[in-house]
């Protein structure tokens, strides 16, 4: 009889455990969806966000955010939830891939808010915050940290540090821009990006552009080199860099490109 009672209890415990959420994200999903009123949902979201549930911080931010339940809108609380959900994975560890992705998006949302951006992928959310919680230094910090930890948002950083984002021209720092280009792109694409950056535009530096033109060609697959020799050759022809055209023509000819051989002959008559 005792064995039967013990077995029944053991089965019951395991049955309950089988339906117990195995992570904070699952617990958030289950309890939030089972809550019958917005007040109950708010209680669940606040409680589990405080316990470091990224999913519930996201739900809380939306529930009391500018597009949330009208009677519950609290921009300060929403911003705190966004920051909490971002920081959980940014400065700690994530329970799951889903948490990581959610946390990364919350970090970008936070960066947008601090930068005062009223446009972009978070338009419907951030346009309501832009005039209330603007802090450009924090915005740049969160963009950079998010890029370093998650690699989300990295494509924005070079433009940010090159003064290409409206209202942030004073944050010009070309060295930082180039550092993030190296992080985001393959070496070949980074070299091409730097060539384009230096060959024309606001921060033109023709001598530096030549370095990256050669680097980009060096890193290009052999089957595609001819195309890039010609592209770069035409660009330096356009700006009158005859000596460098000769160098490109000679290198291209040595690499077996017939067009470059013909150009080399023409330039050395």
Protein backbone atom coordinates (compact mmCIF):
# COMPACT_ATOMS: atom_id res chain seq x y z
CA UNK A 1 0.00 0.00 0.00
CA UNK A 2 2.81 2.41 0.94
CA UNK A 3 4.56 1.62 -2.34
CA UNK A 4 1.39 2.46 -4.25
CA UNK A 5 0.99 5.79 -2.41
CA UNK A 6 4.66 6.68 -3.02
CA UNK A 7 4.35 5.76 -6.70
CA UNK A 8 1.21 7.85 -7.07
CA UNK A 9 2.88 10.88 -5.48
CA UNK A 10 5.97 10.40 -7.69
CA UNK A 11 3.82 10.25 -10.83
CA UNK A 12 1.83 13.32 -9.74
CA UNK A 13 4.98 15.37 -9.08
CA UNK A 14 6.46 14.46 -12.46
CA UNK A 15 3.14 15.14 -14.16
CA UNK A 16 3.10 18.65 -12.65
CA UNK A 17 6.73 19.25 -13.53
CA UNK A 18 6.05 18.25 -17.12
CA UNK A 19 3.63 21.18 -17.40
CA UNK A 20 5.72 23.64 -15.40
CA UNK A 21 7.38 26.20 -17.72
CA UNK A 22 11.06 25.30 -18.04
CA UNK A 23 12.30 28.86 -18.46
CA UNK A 24 11.36 32.40 -17.56
CA UNK A 25 10.37 33.01 -21.19
CA UNK A 26 7.96 30.08 -21.16
CA UNK A 27 6.64 31.13 -17.76
CA UNK A 28 6.08 34.65 -19.06
CA UNK A 29 4.33 33.41 -22.18
CA UNK A 30 2.07 31.05 -20.21
CA UNK A 31 1.14 33.34 -17.34
CA UNK A 32 0.74 36.47 -19.48
CA UNK A 33 -1.53 34.73 -21.96
CA UNK A 34 -3.56 33.08 -19.20
CA UNK A 35 -4.15 36.40 -17.42
CA UNK A 36 -7.74 37.40 -18.11
CA UNK A 37 -7.53 41.17 -17.61
CA UNK A 38 -5.05 43.87 -18.55
CA UNK A 39 -4.46 44.52 -14.87
CA UNK A 40 -3.54 40.87 -14.37
CA UNK A 41 -1.29 40.96 -17.43
CA UNK A 42 0.45 44.04 -16.06
CA UNK A 43 1.06 42.28 -12.73
CA UNK A 44 2.57 39.24 -14.49
CA UNK A 45 4.73 41.36 -16.79
CA UNK A 46 6.06 43.54 -13.95
CA UNK A 47 6.77 40.59 -11.67
CA UNK A 48 8.62 38.49 -14.25
CA UNK A 49 10.46 41.45 -15.79
CA UNK A 50 11.80 42.13 -12.28
CA UNK A 51 12.93 38.48 -12.23
CA UNK A 52 14.93 39.09 -15.45
CA UNK A 53 12.48 37.71 -17.98
CA UNK A 54 13.39 39.42 -21.25
CA UNK A 55 10.07 38.36 -22.77
CA UNK A 56 8.05 39.96 -19.97
CA UNK A 57 10.11 43.15 -20.05
CA UNK A 58 9.19 43.39 -23.73
CA UNK A 59 5.51 42.77 -22.92
CA UNK A 60 5.59 45.32 -20.13
CA UNK A 61 7.20 47.96 -22.37
CA UNK A 62 4.45 47.48 -24.95
CA UNK A 63 1.60 47.20 -22.46
CA UNK A 64 2.31 50.58 -20.84
CA UNK A 65 4.00 52.11 -23.90
CA UNK A 66 2.59 54.79 -26.22
CA UNK A 67 0.65 52.23 -28.25
CA UNK A 68 -0.41 50.12 -25.28
CA UNK A 69 -3.56 50.03 -23.19
CA UNK A 70 -4.75 53.69 -23.06
CA UNK A 71 -5.57 53.64 -19.35
CA UNK A 72 -2.14 52.18 -18.49
CA UNK A 73 0.22 54.34 -20.57
CA UNK A 74 3.30 55.21 -18.52
CA UNK A 75 6.22 56.29 -20.71
CA UNK A 76 8.74 56.27 -17.88
CA UNK A 77 7.82 52.71 -16.84
CA UNK A 78 7.86 51.62 -20.48
CA UNK A 79 11.34 53.06 -20.99
CA UNK A 80 12.56 51.35 -17.80
CA UNK A 81 11.22 48.01 -19.10
CA UNK A 82 12.95 48.50 -22.45
CA UNK A 83 16.24 49.25 -20.68
CA UNK A 84 15.85 46.31 -18.28
CA UNK A 85 15.11 43.87 -21.13
CA UNK A 86 18.10 45.18 -23.08
CA UNK A 87 20.52 45.09 -20.15
CA UNK A 88 19.63 41.51 -19.14
CA UNK A 89 21.42 40.06 -22.17
CA UNK A 90 23.67 43.00 -23.01
CA UNK A 91 25.49 42.86 -19.69
CA UNK A 92 24.58 39.32 -18.62
CA UNK A 93 23.59 36.05 -20.23
CA UNK A 94 20.49 34.99 -22.13
CA UNK A 95 18.39 31.91 -21.48
CA UNK A 96 17.67 31.31 -25.14
CA UNK A 97 18.18 32.45 -28.71
CA UNK A 98 14.73 34.02 -28.60
CA UNK A 99 15.71 36.06 -25.52
CA UNK A 100 18.89 37.18 -27.25
CA UNK A 101 16.96 38.38 -30.30
CA UNK A 102 14.35 40.18 -28.18
CA UNK A 103 17.01 41.79 -26.00
CA UNK A 104 18.95 42.99 -29.05
CA UNK A 105 15.82 44.61 -30.49
CA UNK A 106 15.07 46.28 -27.15
CA UNK A 107 18.62 47.66 -27.12
CA UNK A 108 18.15 49.13 -30.61
CA UNK A 109 14.80 50.55 -29.55
CA UNK A 110 16.51 52.15 -26.56
CA UNK A 111 19.25 53.60 -28.77
CA UNK A 112 16.61 55.06 -31.09
CA UNK A 113 14.80 56.63 -28.14
CA UNK A 114 17.96 58.23 -26.75
CA UNK A 115 19.01 59.47 -30.18
CA UNK A 116 15.65 61.16 -30.55
CA UNK A 117 14.91 59.26 -33.76
CA UNK A 118 11.37 59.70 -34.99
CA UNK A 119 11.80 57.29 -37.91
CA UNK A 120 13.13 53.83 -38.72
CA UNK A 121 12.00 50.32 -37.82
CA UNK A 122 10.75 51.42 -34.39
CA UNK A 123 8.81 54.43 -35.69
CA UNK A 124 5.46 53.66 -34.07
CA UNK A 125 7.14 53.34 -30.67
CA UNK A 126 10.00 55.81 -30.63
CA UNK A 127 8.24 58.83 -32.13
CA UNK A 128 6.31 59.18 -28.87
CA UNK A 129 9.50 59.14 -26.78
CA UNK A 130 11.84 61.26 -28.87
CA UNK A 131 11.11 64.61 -27.27
CA UNK A 132 10.93 63.27 -23.72
CA UNK A 133 13.98 61.06 -23.22
CA UNK A 134 16.61 62.32 -25.65
CA UNK A 135 20.23 61.63 -24.62
CA UNK A 136 22.52 61.34 -27.65
CA UNK A 137 25.57 60.12 -25.70
CA UNK A 138 23.54 57.25 -24.24
CA UNK A 139 22.05 56.51 -27.65
CA UNK A 140 25.48 56.15 -29.24
CA UNK A 141 26.67 54.08 -26.28
CA UNK A 142 23.76 51.65 -26.64
CA UNK A 143 24.19 51.40 -30.40
CA UNK A 144 27.88 50.60 -29.95
CA UNK A 145 27.32 48.13 -27.10
CA UNK A 146 24.54 46.38 -29.04
CA UNK A 147 26.79 46.06 -32.07
CA UNK A 148 29.64 44.68 -29.95
CA UNK A 149 27.48 42.13 -28.11
CA UNK A 150 24.84 41.14 -30.66
CA UNK A 151 26.11 42.64 -33.96
CA UNK A 152 22.63 44.11 -34.51
CA UNK A 153 22.71 47.77 -35.51
CA UNK A 154 26.34 47.67 -36.66
CA UNK A 155 25.50 49.01 -40.11
CA UNK A 156 24.29 52.27 -38.56
CA UNK A 157 27.50 52.96 -36.63
CA UNK A 158 29.76 54.00 -39.55
CA UNK A 159 27.15 56.48 -40.80
CA UNK A 160 26.68 57.75 -37.27
CA UNK A 161 30.39 58.47 -36.79
CA UNK A 162 30.70 59.94 -40.29
CA UNK A 163 28.10 62.57 -39.46
CA UNK A 164 25.62 61.17 -41.96
CA UNK A 165 22.72 60.99 -39.50
CA UNK A 166 20.74 64.21 -39.25
CA UNK A 167 21.39 66.06 -36.01
CA UNK A 168 24.48 64.03 -35.10
CA UNK A 169 27.05 65.73 -37.31
CA UNK A 170 29.05 66.82 -34.26
CA UNK A 171 29.84 63.19 -33.42
CA UNK A 172 32.25 62.87 -36.33
CA UNK A 173 34.94 60.27 -35.61
CA UNK A 174 36.26 58.63 -38.77
CA UNK A 175 38.54 56.21 -36.91
CA UNK A 176 35.58 54.79 -34.98
CA UNK A 177 33.55 54.58 -38.16
CA UNK A 178 36.25 52.54 -39.86
CA UNK A 179 36.62 50.26 -36.83
CA UNK A 180 32.96 49.30 -37.06
CA UNK A 181 33.23 48.81 -40.82
CA UNK A 182 35.87 46.16 -40.13
CA UNK A 183 33.54 44.52 -37.61
CA UNK A 184 30.50 44.46 -39.84
CA UNK A 185 31.93 43.54 -43.22
CA UNK A 186 34.20 40.87 -44.65
CA UNK A 187 37.77 42.15 -45.25
CA UNK A 188 37.04 42.43 -48.99
CA UNK A 189 33.82 44.39 -48.53
CA UNK A 190 35.40 46.57 -45.81
CA UNK A 191 38.24 47.50 -48.19
CA UNK A 192 35.72 48.39 -50.91
CA UNK A 193 33.70 50.47 -48.43
CA UNK A 194 36.83 52.38 -47.39
CA UNK A 195 37.82 52.93 -51.02
CA UNK A 196 34.40 54.44 -51.74
CA UNK A 197 34.59 56.54 -48.58
CA UNK A 198 38.00 58.02 -49.41
CA UNK A 199 37.72 58.38 -53.17
CA UNK A 200 34.91 60.91 -52.98
CA UNK A 201 32.58 62.69 -50.61
CA UNK A 202 33.00 64.82 -47.55
CA UNK A 203 36.20 63.21 -46.24
CA UNK A 204 38.02 62.60 -49.52
CA UNK A 205 41.60 61.33 -49.27
CA UNK A 206 42.80 60.09 -52.66
CA UNK A 207 46.05 58.58 -51.37
CA UNK A 208 44.18 56.50 -48.79
CA UNK A 209 41.64 55.49 -51.41
CA UNK A 210 44.46 53.99 -53.50
CA UNK A 211 45.57 51.81 -50.59
CA UNK A 212 42.07 50.35 -50.23
CA UNK A 213 41.53 50.00 -53.97
CA UNK A 214 44.60 47.75 -54.14
CA UNK A 215 43.55 45.92 -50.97
CA UNK A 216 40.05 45.32 -52.30
CA UNK A 217 41.40 43.91 -55.57
CA UNK A 218 43.87 41.71 -53.69
CA UNK A 219 41.01 40.21 -51.64
CA UNK A 220 38.65 39.77 -54.61
CA UNK A 221 38.21 36.31 -56.10
CA UNK A 222 40.36 35.77 -59.17
CA UNK A 223 37.30 35.28 -61.38
CA UNK A 224 36.00 38.75 -60.44
CA UNK A 225 39.26 40.70 -60.37
CA UNK A 226 39.01 41.92 -63.95
CA UNK A 227 35.72 43.65 -63.25
CA UNK A 228 37.09 45.53 -60.26
CA UNK A 229 40.32 46.49 -62.01
CA UNK A 230 38.18 48.18 -64.64
CA UNK A 231 35.85 49.85 -62.13
CA UNK A 232 38.76 51.33 -60.19
CA UNK A 233 40.68 52.17 -63.36
CA UNK A 234 37.68 54.16 -64.66
CA UNK A 235 37.27 55.95 -61.34
CA UNK A 236 40.92 57.15 -61.27
CA UNK A 237 40.68 58.06 -64.94
CA UNK A 238 37.69 60.23 -64.05
CA UNK A 239 39.71 62.12 -61.41
CA UNK A 240 42.90 62.30 -63.50
CA UNK A 241 45.21 60.02 -61.49
CA UNK A 242 47.33 58.85 -64.46
CA UNK A 243 50.19 57.34 -62.45
CA UNK A 244 47.83 55.18 -60.43
CA UNK A 245 45.99 54.18 -63.60
CA UNK A 246 49.32 52.87 -64.88
CA UNK A 247 49.81 50.89 -61.68
CA UNK A 248 46.34 49.37 -61.90
CA UNK A 249 46.87 48.55 -65.57
CA UNK A 250 50.22 46.88 -64.87
CA UNK A 251 48.85 44.88 -61.94
CA UNK A 252 45.79 43.86 -63.91
CA UNK A 253 47.87 42.78 -66.88
CA UNK A 254 50.10 40.72 -64.57
CA UNK A 255 46.92 39.12 -63.23
CA UNK A 256 46.02 38.09 -66.77
CA UNK A 257 43.39 40.68 -67.65
CA UNK A 258 43.52 41.44 -71.39
CA UNK A 259 41.76 44.82 -71.07
CA UNK A 260 44.30 46.00 -68.50
CA UNK A 261 47.17 44.85 -70.73
CA UNK A 262 45.79 46.97 -73.54
CA UNK A 263 45.43 49.96 -71.23
CA UNK A 264 48.98 49.45 -69.95
CA UNK A 265 50.32 49.54 -73.52
CA UNK A 266 48.30 52.64 -74.34
CA UNK A 267 49.46 54.50 -71.23
CA UNK A 268 53.13 53.69 -71.83
CA UNK A 269 53.42 54.66 -75.48
